Amino acid sequence: MKKGEESRQLLIECAAELLWKNGYSATGISEILKQTNLPVRKNMIEMYLEYRSYHGI
């Protein structure tokens, strides 16, 4: 698995855990990034998760 794929998978796993524990409205991107400890800025998360295409934006 490539580094980018590993980072994406970690983001997804952390997001799923936080969403399950806190709920959708109580989980923000900042909390997800903090839990992953990845050097990713908020504006870069779309690249990892393909947020726009998933949500039809």
C-alpha atoms as a PDB file:
ATOM      1  CA  MET A   1       0.000   0.000   0.000  1.00  0.00           C
ATOM      2  CA  LYS A   2       1.322   3.440  -0.933  1.00  0.00           C
ATOM      3  CA  LYS A   3       1.825   6.186   1.640  1.00  0.00           C
ATOM      4  CA  GLY A   4      -1.128   8.191   0.304  1.00  0.00           C
ATOM      5  CA  GLU A   5      -3.370   5.138   0.457  1.00  0.00           C
ATOM      6  CA  GLU A   6      -2.272   4.468   4.034  1.00  0.00           C
ATOM      7  CA  SER A   7      -3.040   8.059   5.011  1.00  0.00           C
ATOM      8  CA  ARG A   8      -6.442   7.881   3.344  1.00  0.00           C
ATOM      9  CA  GLN A   9      -7.253   4.638   5.134  1.00  0.00           C
ATOM     10  CA  LEU A  10      -6.180   6.092   8.491  1.00  0.00           C
ATOM     11  CA  LEU A  11      -8.364   9.159   7.917  1.00  0.00           C
ATOM     12  CA  ILE A  12     -11.346   6.964   7.065  1.00  0.00           C
ATOM     13  CA  GLU A  13     -10.854   4.735  10.103  1.00  0.00           C
ATOM     14  CA  CYS A  14     -10.471   7.676  12.488  1.00  0.00           C
ATOM     15  CA  ALA A  15     -13.456   9.455  10.976  1.00  0.00           C
ATOM     16  CA  ALA A  16     -15.603   6.335  11.295  1.00  0.00           C
ATOM     17  CA  GLU A  17     -14.600   5.883  14.924  1.00  0.00           C
ATOM     18  CA  LEU A  18     -15.325   9.506  15.824  1.00  0.00           C
ATOM     19  CA  LEU A  19     -18.603   9.550  13.908  1.00  0.00           C
ATOM     20  CA  TRP A  20     -19.724   6.397  15.677  1.00  0.00           C
ATOM     21  CA  LYS A  21     -18.718   7.729  19.090  1.00  0.00           C
ATOM     22  CA  ASN A  22     -19.753  11.410  18.779  1.00  0.00           C
ATOM     23  CA  GLY A  23     -22.281  11.499  15.943  1.00  0.00           C
ATOM     24  CA  TYR A  24     -22.215  13.379  12.662  1.00  0.00           C
ATOM     25  CA  SER A  25     -23.067  16.847  13.966  1.00  0.00           C
ATOM     26  CA  ALA A  26     -20.512  16.648  16.790  1.00  0.00           C
ATOM     27  CA  THR A  27     -17.581  15.498  14.648  1.00  0.00           C
ATOM     28  CA  GLY A  28     -15.495  17.997  12.729  1.00  0.00           C
ATOM     29  CA  ILE A  29     -12.602  17.731  10.357  1.00  0.00           C
ATOM     30  CA  SER A  30     -10.304  19.278  12.964  1.00  0.00           C
ATOM     31  CA  GLU A  31     -11.051  16.461  15.420  1.00  0.00           C
ATOM     32  CA  ILE A  32     -10.454  13.827  12.756  1.00  0.00           C
ATOM     33  CA  LEU A  33      -7.105  15.342  11.756  1.00  0.00           C
ATOM     34  CA  LYS A  34      -6.052  15.710  15.385  1.00  0.00           C
ATOM     35  CA  GLN A  35      -6.704  12.030  16.048  1.00  0.00           C
ATOM     36  CA  THR A  36      -4.750  10.854  12.993  1.00  0.00           C
ATOM     37  CA  ASN A  37      -1.637  12.917  13.818  1.00  0.00           C
ATOM     38  CA  LEU A  38      -1.043  13.269  10.078  1.00  0.00           C
ATOM     39  CA  PRO A  39       0.588  16.443   8.747  1.00  0.00           C
ATOM     40  CA  VAL A  40      -2.546  17.244   6.735  1.00  0.00           C
ATOM     41  CA  ARG A  41      -4.208  20.642   6.599  1.00  0.00           C
ATOM     42  CA  LYS A  42      -7.979  20.951   6.555  1.00  0.00           C
ATOM     43  CA  ASN A  43      -8.002  22.068   2.925  1.00  0.00           C
ATOM     44  CA  MET A  44      -6.017  18.974   1.902  1.00  0.00           C
ATOM     45  CA  ILE A  45      -8.471  16.475   3.364  1.00  0.00           C
ATOM     46  CA  GLU A  46     -10.630  16.633   0.249  1.00  0.00           C
ATOM     47  CA  MET A  47      -7.750  15.177  -1.716  1.00  0.00           C
ATOM     48  CA  TYR A  48      -7.539  12.187   0.591  1.00  0.00           C
ATOM     49  CA  LEU A  49     -11.233  11.507   0.965  1.00  0.00           C
ATOM     50  CA  GLU A  50     -12.537  12.753  -2.381  1.00  0.00           C
ATOM     51  CA  TYR A  51     -15.157  14.650  -0.394  1.00  0.00           C
ATOM     52  CA  ARG A  52     -16.519  16.726  -3.247  1.00  0.00           C
ATOM     53  CA  SER A  53     -17.256  13.845  -5.587  1.00  0.00           C
ATOM     54  CA  TYR A  54     -18.772  11.777  -2.796  1.00  0.00           C
ATOM     55  CA  HIS A  55     -21.137  14.536  -1.718  1.00  0.00           C
ATOM     56  CA  GLY A  56     -21.934  15.743  -5.215  1.00  0.00           C
ATOM     57  CA  ILE A  57     -20.365  19.152  -4.685  1.00  0.00           C
END
